[in-house]
Amino acid sequence: GLELYSNSLFLFCGGRNDRFKGLFWDGEGFIMLYKRFENGHLSWPRNNNEAKELSAQQLDWLLQGLNPLPIRKIQAVRPGSFY
């Protein structure tokens, strides 16, 4: 839902989760970025429903090789159940 020419950076990842590409419109043309990680891989959305908008801080984490969208596993607690 973002406008392609409105100061947005679009990131794409192919089948290999150790690299991604970015497209940014600078007013005169597109800038293409390419990042490959030597160690490890990315946790990447697999469909449109999983796509997320990242904050500047999350983008910085991604460029450092960190997962910008950590998966939180919180167990649901049933009423009346205690340790």
PDB file of N, CA and C in Angstrom:
ATOM      1  N   GLY A   1       0.793  -1.192   0.000  1.00  0.00           N
ATOM      2  CA  GLY A   1       0.000   0.000   0.000  1.00  0.00           C
ATOM      3  C   GLY A   1       0.844   1.268   0.000  1.00  0.00           C
ATOM      4  N   LEU A   2       2.166   1.152  -0.044  1.00  0.00           N
ATOM      5  CA  LEU A   2       3.011   2.342  -0.058  1.00  0.00           C
ATOM      6  C   LEU A   2       3.191   2.855  -1.483  1.00  0.00           C
ATOM      7  N   GLU A   3       3.347   4.144  -1.615  1.00  0.00           N
ATOM      8  CA  GLU A   3       3.583   4.769  -2.922  1.00  0.00           C
ATOM      9  C   GLU A   3       5.050   4.553  -3.312  1.00  0.00           C
ATOM     10  N   LEU A   4       5.271   4.096  -4.514  1.00  0.00           N
ATOM     11  CA  LEU A   4       6.606   3.752  -4.979  1.00  0.00           C
ATOM     12  C   LEU A   4       7.552   4.949  -4.994  1.00  0.00           C
ATOM     13  N   TYR A   5       7.035   6.141  -5.284  1.00  0.00           N
ATOM     14  CA  TYR A   5       7.880   7.322  -5.419  1.00  0.00           C
ATOM     15  C   TYR A   5       7.814   8.237  -4.194  1.00  0.00           C
ATOM     16  N   SER A   6       7.484   7.734  -3.029  1.00  0.00           N
ATOM     17  CA  SER A   6       7.270   8.595  -1.867  1.00  0.00           C
ATOM     18  C   SER A   6       8.264   8.332  -0.738  1.00  0.00           C
ATOM     19  N   ASN A   7       9.550   8.381  -1.030  1.00  0.00           N
ATOM     20  CA  ASN A   7      10.575   8.252  -0.004  1.00  0.00           C
ATOM     21  C   ASN A   7      10.469   6.937   0.769  1.00  0.00           C
ATOM     22  N   SER A   8      10.178   5.850   0.055  1.00  0.00           N
ATOM     23  CA  SER A   8      10.078   4.526   0.670  1.00  0.00           C
ATOM     24  C   SER A   8      11.180   3.632   0.112  1.00  0.00           C
ATOM     25  N   LEU A   9      11.679   2.759   0.949  1.00  0.00           N
ATOM     26  CA  LEU A   9      12.653   1.761   0.545  1.00  0.00           C
ATOM     27  C   LEU A   9      11.941   0.417   0.542  1.00  0.00           C
ATOM     28  N   PHE A  10      11.957  -0.272  -0.593  1.00  0.00           N
ATOM     29  CA  PHE A  10      11.308  -1.574  -0.727  1.00  0.00           C
ATOM     30  C   PHE A  10      12.374  -2.656  -0.714  1.00  0.00           C
ATOM     31  N   LEU A  11      12.211  -3.637   0.170  1.00  0.00           N
ATOM     32  CA  LEU A  11      13.176  -4.723   0.305  1.00  0.00           C
ATOM     33  C   LEU A  11      12.575  -6.022  -0.204  1.00  0.00           C
ATOM     34  N   PHE A  12      13.402  -6.809  -0.889  1.00  0.00           N
ATOM     35  CA  PHE A  12      12.970  -8.076  -1.480  1.00  0.00           C
ATOM     36  C   PHE A  12      13.995  -9.153  -1.164  1.00  0.00           C
ATOM     37  N   CYS A  13      13.506 -10.350  -0.931  1.00  0.00           N
ATOM     38  CA  CYS A  13      14.372 -11.489  -0.670  1.00  0.00           C
ATOM     39  C   CYS A  13      13.910 -12.642  -1.553  1.00  0.00           C
ATOM     40  N   GLY A  14      14.848 -13.302  -2.201  1.00  0.00           N
ATOM     41  CA  GLY A  14      14.508 -14.434  -3.052  1.00  0.00           C
ATOM     42  C   GLY A  14      14.477 -15.729  -2.257  1.00  0.00           C
ATOM     43  N   GLY A  15      14.759 -16.828  -2.922  1.00  0.00           N
ATOM     44  CA  GLY A  15      14.718 -18.135  -2.280  1.00  0.00           C
ATOM     45  C   GLY A  15      15.818 -18.342  -1.251  1.00  0.00           C
ATOM     46  N   ARG A  16      16.937 -17.666  -1.441  1.00  0.00           N
ATOM     47  CA  ARG A  16      18.033 -17.780  -0.480  1.00  0.00           C
ATOM     48  C   ARG A  16      17.860 -16.698   0.573  1.00  0.00           C
ATOM     49  N   ASN A  17      17.802 -17.087   1.805  1.00  0.00           N
ATOM     50  CA  ASN A  17      17.552 -16.137   2.887  1.00  0.00           C
ATOM     51  C   ASN A  17      18.819 -15.504   3.431  1.00  0.00           C
ATOM     52  N   ASP A  18      19.911 -15.551   2.674  1.00  0.00           N
ATOM     53  CA  ASP A  18      21.151 -14.930   3.145  1.00  0.00           C
ATOM     54  C   ASP A  18      21.445 -13.615   2.423  1.00  0.00           C
ATOM     55  N   ARG A  19      20.483 -13.122   1.645  1.00  0.00           N
ATOM     56  CA  ARG A  19      20.684 -11.875   0.902  1.00  0.00           C
ATOM     57  C   ARG A  19      19.352 -11.200   0.604  1.00  0.00           C
ATOM     58  N   PHE A  20      19.398  -9.901   0.394  1.00  0.00           N
ATOM     59  CA  PHE A  20      18.200  -9.187  -0.018  1.00  0.00           C
ATOM     60  C   PHE A  20      18.584  -8.012  -0.903  1.00  0.00           C
ATOM     61  N   LYS A  21      17.608  -7.500  -1.631  1.00  0.00           N
ATOM     62  CA  LYS A  21      17.786  -6.340  -2.504  1.00  0.00           C
ATOM     63  C   LYS A  21      16.806  -5.264  -2.075  1.00  0.00           C
ATOM     64  N   GLY A  22      17.197  -4.026  -2.299  1.00  0.00           N
ATOM     65  CA  GLY A  22      16.334  -2.896  -1.962  1.00  0.00           C
ATOM     66  C   GLY A  22      16.213  -1.944  -3.138  1.00  0.00           C
ATOM     67  N   LEU A  23      15.042  -1.346  -3.302  1.00  0.00           N
ATOM     68  CA  LEU A  23      14.806  -0.330  -4.327  1.00  0.00           C
ATOM     69  C   LEU A  23      14.375   0.963  -3.660  1.00  0.00           C
ATOM     70  N   PHE A  24      15.005   2.066  -4.083  1.00  0.00           N
ATOM     71  CA  PHE A  24      14.685   3.387  -3.543  1.00  0.00           C
ATOM     72  C   PHE A  24      14.679   4.387  -4.694  1.00  0.00           C
ATOM     73  N   TRP A  25      13.648   5.202  -4.772  1.00  0.00           N
ATOM     74  CA  TRP A  25      13.539   6.241  -5.793  1.00  0.00           C
ATOM     75  C   TRP A  25      14.153   7.516  -5.228  1.00  0.00           C
ATOM     76  N   ASP A  26      15.190   8.063  -5.885  1.00  0.00           N
ATOM     77  CA  ASP A  26      15.857   9.265  -5.380  1.00  0.00           C
ATOM     78  C   ASP A  26      15.408  10.544  -6.073  1.00  0.00           C
ATOM     79  N   GLY A  27      14.351  10.458  -6.865  1.00  0.00           N
ATOM     80  CA  GLY A  27      13.839  11.631  -7.567  1.00  0.00           C
ATOM     81  C   GLY A  27      14.229  11.658  -9.029  1.00  0.00           C
ATOM     82  N   GLU A  28      15.295  10.963  -9.386  1.00  0.00           N
ATOM     83  CA  GLU A  28      15.756  10.920 -10.774  1.00  0.00           C
ATOM     84  C   GLU A  28      15.797   9.506 -11.327  1.00  0.00           C
ATOM     85  N   GLY A  29      15.805   8.536 -10.456  1.00  0.00           N
ATOM     86  CA  GLY A  29      15.877   7.138 -10.861  1.00  0.00           C
ATOM     87  C   GLY A  29      15.916   6.253  -9.634  1.00  0.00           C
ATOM     88  N   PHE A  30      15.938   4.966  -9.868  1.00  0.00           N
ATOM     89  CA  PHE A  30      15.968   4.019  -8.770  1.00  0.00           C
ATOM     90  C   PHE A  30      17.404   3.714  -8.362  1.00  0.00           C
ATOM     91  N   ILE A  31      17.599   3.594  -7.069  1.00  0.00           N
ATOM     92  CA  ILE A  31      18.858   3.107  -6.516  1.00  0.00           C
ATOM     93  C   ILE A  31      18.589   1.673  -6.081  1.00  0.00           C
ATOM     94  N   MET A  32      19.460   0.760  -6.496  1.00  0.00           N
ATOM     95  CA  MET A  32      19.303  -0.638  -6.104  1.00  0.00           C
ATOM     96  C   MET A  32      20.398  -0.990  -5.109  1.00  0.00           C
ATOM     97  N   LEU A  33      19.991  -1.529  -3.971  1.00  0.00           N
ATOM     98  CA  LEU A  33      20.913  -1.951  -2.929  1.00  0.00           C
ATOM     99  C   LEU A  33      20.952  -3.469  -2.885  1.00  0.00           C
ATOM    100  N   TYR A  34      22.095  -4.021  -2.531  1.00  0.00           N
ATOM    101  CA  TYR A  34      22.241  -5.471  -2.424  1.00  0.00           C
ATOM    102  C   TYR A  34      23.032  -5.770  -1.160  1.00  0.00           C
ATOM    103  N   LYS A  35      22.514  -6.660  -0.353  1.00  0.00           N
ATOM    104  CA  LYS A  35      23.195  -7.028   0.891  1.00  0.00           C
ATOM    105  C   LYS A  35      23.214  -8.547   0.997  1.00  0.00           C
ATOM    106  N   ARG A  36      24.398  -9.098   1.270  1.00  0.00           N
ATOM    107  CA  ARG A  36      24.544 -10.537   1.464  1.00  0.00           C
ATOM    108  C   ARG A  36      25.231 -10.773   2.796  1.00  0.00           C
ATOM    109  N   PHE A  37      24.711 -11.706   3.562  1.00  0.00           N
ATOM    110  CA  PHE A  37      25.289 -12.054   4.854  1.00  0.00           C
ATOM    111  C   PHE A  37      26.191 -13.270   4.687  1.00  0.00           C
ATOM    112  N   GLU A  38      27.398 -13.174   5.191  1.00  0.00           N
ATOM    113  CA  GLU A  38      28.343 -14.284   5.099  1.00  0.00           C
ATOM    114  C   GLU A  38      27.995 -15.398   6.078  1.00  0.00           C
ATOM    115  N   ASN A  39      27.479 -15.036   7.228  1.00  0.00           N
ATOM    116  CA  ASN A  39      27.132 -16.028   8.252  1.00  0.00           C
ATOM    117  C   ASN A  39      25.680 -15.835   8.647  1.00  0.00           C
ATOM    118  N   GLY A  40      24.900 -16.869   8.547  1.00  0.00           N
ATOM    119  CA  GLY A  40      23.506 -16.794   8.972  1.00  0.00           C
ATOM    120  C   GLY A  40      22.559 -16.468   7.831  1.00  0.00           C
ATOM    121  N   HIS A  41      21.304 -16.318   8.190  1.00  0.00           N
ATOM    122  CA  HIS A  41      20.281 -16.027   7.200  1.00  0.00           C
ATOM    123  C   HIS A  41      19.183 -15.193   7.851  1.00  0.00           C
ATOM    124  N   LEU A  42      18.310 -14.671   7.016  1.00  0.00           N
ATOM    125  CA  LEU A  42      17.227 -13.814   7.469  1.00  0.00           C
ATOM    126  C   LEU A  42      15.949 -14.601   7.677  1.00  0.00           C
ATOM    127  N   SER A  43      15.151 -14.129   8.586  1.00  0.00           N
ATOM    128  CA  SER A  43      13.790 -14.616   8.749  1.00  0.00           C
ATOM    129  C   SER A  43      12.934 -13.673   7.905  1.00  0.00           C
ATOM    130  N   TRP A  44      12.417 -14.125   6.793  1.00  0.00           N
ATOM    131  CA  TRP A  44      11.802 -13.243   5.819  1.00  0.00           C
ATOM    132  C   TRP A  44      10.351 -13.617   5.566  1.00  0.00           C
ATOM    133  N   PRO A  45       9.465 -12.633   5.393  1.00  0.00           N
ATOM    134  CA  PRO A  45       8.063 -12.937   5.071  1.00  0.00           C
ATOM    135  C   PRO A  45       7.966 -13.741   3.771  1.00  0.00           C
ATOM    136  N   ARG A  46       7.048 -14.670   3.716  1.00  0.00           N
ATOM    137  CA  ARG A  46       6.895 -15.525   2.539  1.00  0.00           C
ATOM    138  C   ARG A  46       5.704 -15.156   1.665  1.00  0.00           C
ATOM    139  N   ASN A  47       4.839 -14.251   2.121  1.00  0.00           N
ATOM    140  CA  ASN A  47       3.706 -13.833   1.297  1.00  0.00           C
ATOM    141  C   ASN A  47       3.317 -12.400   1.668  1.00  0.00           C
ATOM    142  N   ASN A  48       2.380 -11.832   0.910  1.00  0.00           N
ATOM    143  CA  ASN A  48       1.960 -10.438   1.126  1.00  0.00           C
ATOM    144  C   ASN A  48       1.381 -10.206   2.508  1.00  0.00           C
ATOM    145  N   ASN A  49       0.708 -11.197   3.068  1.00  0.00           N
ATOM    146  CA  ASN A  49       0.104 -11.042   4.387  1.00  0.00           C
ATOM    147  C   ASN A  49       1.152 -10.914   5.488  1.00  0.00           C
ATOM    148  N   GLU A  50       2.347 -11.452   5.260  1.00  0.00           N
ATOM    149  CA  GLU A  50       3.415 -11.398   6.249  1.00  0.00           C
ATOM    150  C   GLU A  50       4.297 -10.160   6.097  1.00  0.00           C
ATOM    151  N   ALA A  51       4.156  -9.399   4.996  1.00  0.00           N
ATOM    152  CA  ALA A  51       4.986  -8.216   4.755  1.00  0.00           C
ATOM    153  C   ALA A  51       4.746  -7.178   5.843  1.00  0.00           C
ATOM    154  N   LYS A  52       5.811  -6.510   6.262  1.00  0.00           N
ATOM    155  CA  LYS A  52       5.741  -5.537   7.349  1.00  0.00           C
ATOM    156  C   LYS A  52       6.394  -4.228   6.929  1.00  0.00           C
ATOM    157  N   GLU A  53       5.941  -3.153   7.553  1.00  0.00           N
ATOM    158  CA  GLU A  53       6.600  -1.863   7.402  1.00  0.00           C
ATOM    159  C   GLU A  53       7.600  -1.739   8.547  1.00  0.00           C
ATOM    160  N   LEU A  54       8.851  -1.410   8.224  1.00  0.00           N
ATOM    161  CA  LEU A  54       9.904  -1.325   9.229  1.00  0.00           C
ATOM    162  C   LEU A  54      10.164   0.126   9.622  1.00  0.00           C
ATOM    163  N   SER A  55      10.495   0.316  10.883  1.00  0.00           N
ATOM    164  CA  SER A  55      10.913   1.635  11.352  1.00  0.00           C
ATOM    165  C   SER A  55      12.384   1.846  10.949  1.00  0.00           C
ATOM    166  N   ALA A  56      12.885   3.052  11.134  1.00  0.00           N
ATOM    167  CA  ALA A  56      14.293   3.332  10.834  1.00  0.00           C
ATOM    168  C   ALA A  56      15.198   2.451  11.701  1.00  0.00           C
ATOM    169  N   GLN A  57      14.840   2.248  12.964  1.00  0.00           N
ATOM    170  CA  GLN A  57      15.630   1.405  13.856  1.00  0.00           C
ATOM    171  C   GLN A  57      15.636  -0.051  13.390  1.00  0.00           C
ATOM    172  N   GLN A  58      14.489  -0.554  12.957  1.00  0.00           N
ATOM    173  CA  GLN A  58      14.408  -1.927  12.470  1.00  0.00           C
ATOM    174  C   GLN A  58      15.220  -2.103  11.189  1.00  0.00           C
ATOM    175  N   LEU A  59      15.221  -1.105  10.316  1.00  0.00           N
ATOM    176  CA  LEU A  59      16.037  -1.166   9.099  1.00  0.00           C
ATOM    177  C   LEU A  59      17.512  -1.221   9.467  1.00  0.00           C
ATOM    178  N   ASP A  60      17.922  -0.420  10.439  1.00  0.00           N
ATOM    179  CA  ASP A  60      19.303  -0.433  10.898  1.00  0.00           C
ATOM    180  C   ASP A  60      19.681  -1.820  11.419  1.00  0.00           C
ATOM    181  N   TRP A  61      18.798  -2.439  12.201  1.00  0.00           N
ATOM    182  CA  TRP A  61      19.055  -3.789  12.699  1.00  0.00           C
ATOM    183  C   TRP A  61      19.204  -4.771  11.543  1.00  0.00           C
ATOM    184  N   LEU A  62      18.330  -4.669  10.547  1.00  0.00           N
ATOM    185  CA  LEU A  62      18.388  -5.570   9.388  1.00  0.00           C
ATOM    186  C   LEU A  62      19.720  -5.435   8.667  1.00  0.00           C
ATOM    187  N   LEU A  63      20.174  -4.206   8.445  1.00  0.00           N
ATOM    188  CA  LEU A  63      21.437  -3.981   7.757  1.00  0.00           C
ATOM    189  C   LEU A  63      22.633  -4.474   8.570  1.00  0.00           C
ATOM    190  N   GLN A  64      22.461  -4.608   9.878  1.00  0.00           N
ATOM    191  CA  GLN A  64      23.510  -5.158  10.741  1.00  0.00           C
ATOM    192  C   GLN A  64      23.450  -6.681  10.820  1.00  0.00           C
ATOM    193  N   GLY A  65      22.444  -7.276  10.181  1.00  0.00           N
ATOM    194  CA  GLY A  65      22.305  -8.726  10.209  1.00  0.00           C
ATOM    195  C   GLY A  65      21.454  -9.245  11.330  1.00  0.00           C
ATOM    196  N   LEU A  66      20.748  -8.352  12.021  1.00  0.00           N
ATOM    197  CA  LEU A  66      19.870  -8.763  13.115  1.00  0.00           C
ATOM    198  C   LEU A  66      18.448  -8.924  12.602  1.00  0.00           C
ATOM    199  N   ASN A  67      17.663  -9.720  13.285  1.00  0.00           N
ATOM    200  CA  ASN A  67      16.265  -9.896  12.908  1.00  0.00           C
ATOM    201  C   ASN A  67      15.467  -8.694  13.405  1.00  0.00           C
ATOM    202  N   PRO A  68      14.918  -7.876  12.482  1.00  0.00           N
ATOM    203  CA  PRO A  68      14.179  -6.693  12.911  1.00  0.00           C
ATOM    204  C   PRO A  68      12.802  -7.010  13.487  1.00  0.00           C
ATOM    205  N   LEU A  69      12.319  -8.216  13.270  1.00  0.00           N
ATOM    206  CA  LEU A  69      10.998  -8.616  13.746  1.00  0.00           C
ATOM    207  C   LEU A  69      11.134  -9.881  14.584  1.00  0.00           C
ATOM    208  N   PRO A  70      11.656  -9.755  15.812  1.00  0.00           N
ATOM    209  CA  PRO A  70      11.845 -10.956  16.630  1.00  0.00           C
ATOM    210  C   PRO A  70      10.518 -11.645  16.905  1.00  0.00           C
ATOM    211  N   ILE A  71      10.574 -12.942  16.876  1.00  0.00           N
ATOM    212  CA  ILE A  71       9.376 -13.743  17.124  1.00  0.00           C
ATOM    213  C   ILE A  71       9.240 -13.937  18.628  1.00  0.00           C
ATOM    214  N   ARG A  72       8.143 -13.496  19.153  1.00  0.00           N
ATOM    215  CA  ARG A  72       7.889 -13.654  20.588  1.00  0.00           C
ATOM    216  C   ARG A  72       6.984 -14.858  20.787  1.00  0.00           C
ATOM    217  N   LYS A  73       7.447 -15.755  21.603  1.00  0.00           N
ATOM    218  CA  LYS A  73       6.640 -16.931  21.901  1.00  0.00           C
ATOM    219  C   LYS A  73       6.155 -16.816  23.333  1.00  0.00           C
ATOM    220  N   ILE A  74       4.942 -16.376  23.471  1.00  0.00           N
ATOM    221  CA  ILE A  74       4.337 -16.220  24.787  1.00  0.00           C
ATOM    222  C   ILE A  74       3.267 -17.293  24.930  1.00  0.00           C
ATOM    223  N   GLN A  75       3.388 -18.052  25.986  1.00  0.00           N
ATOM    224  CA  GLN A  75       2.425 -19.115  26.234  1.00  0.00           C
ATOM    225  C   GLN A  75       1.141 -18.524  26.808  1.00  0.00           C
ATOM    226  N   ALA A  76       0.020 -18.939  26.284  1.00  0.00           N
ATOM    227  CA  ALA A  76      -1.255 -18.517  26.843  1.00  0.00           C
ATOM    228  C   ALA A  76      -1.457 -19.200  28.200  1.00  0.00           C
ATOM    229  N   VAL A  77      -1.909 -18.449  29.149  1.00  0.00           N
ATOM    230  CA  VAL A  77      -2.145 -18.973  30.494  1.00  0.00           C
ATOM    231  C   VAL A  77      -3.630 -19.215  30.671  1.00  0.00           C
ATOM    232  N   ARG A  78      -3.935 -20.406  31.120  1.00  0.00           N
ATOM    233  CA  ARG A  78      -5.336 -20.716  31.403  1.00  0.00           C
ATOM    234  C   ARG A  78      -5.688 -20.226  32.786  1.00  0.00           C
ATOM    235  N   PRO A  79      -6.864 -19.658  32.953  1.00  0.00           N
ATOM    236  CA  PRO A  79      -7.264 -19.194  34.290  1.00  0.00           C
ATOM    237  C   PRO A  79      -7.208 -20.337  35.300  1.00  0.00           C
ATOM    238  N   GLY A  80      -6.634 -20.055  36.469  1.00  0.00           N
ATOM    239  CA  GLY A  80      -6.566 -21.053  37.524  1.00  0.00           C
ATOM    240  C   GLY A  80      -5.358 -21.963  37.465  1.00  0.00           C
ATOM    241  N   SER A  81      -4.508 -21.828  36.422  1.00  0.00           N
ATOM    242  CA  SER A  81      -3.336 -22.692  36.349  1.00  0.00           C
ATOM    243  C   SER A  81      -2.109 -21.894  36.790  1.00  0.00           C
ATOM    244  N   PHE A  82      -1.433 -22.397  37.824  1.00  0.00           N
ATOM    245  CA  PHE A  82      -0.246 -21.747  38.358  1.00  0.00           C
ATOM    246  C   PHE A  82       0.878 -22.763  38.407  1.00  0.00           C
ATOM    247  N   TYR A  83       2.082 -22.274  38.553  1.00  0.00           N
ATOM    248  CA  TYR A  83       3.247 -23.171  38.641  1.00  0.00           C
ATOM    249  C   TYR A  83       3.309 -23.850  39.966  1.00  0.00           C
TER     250      TYR A  83
END
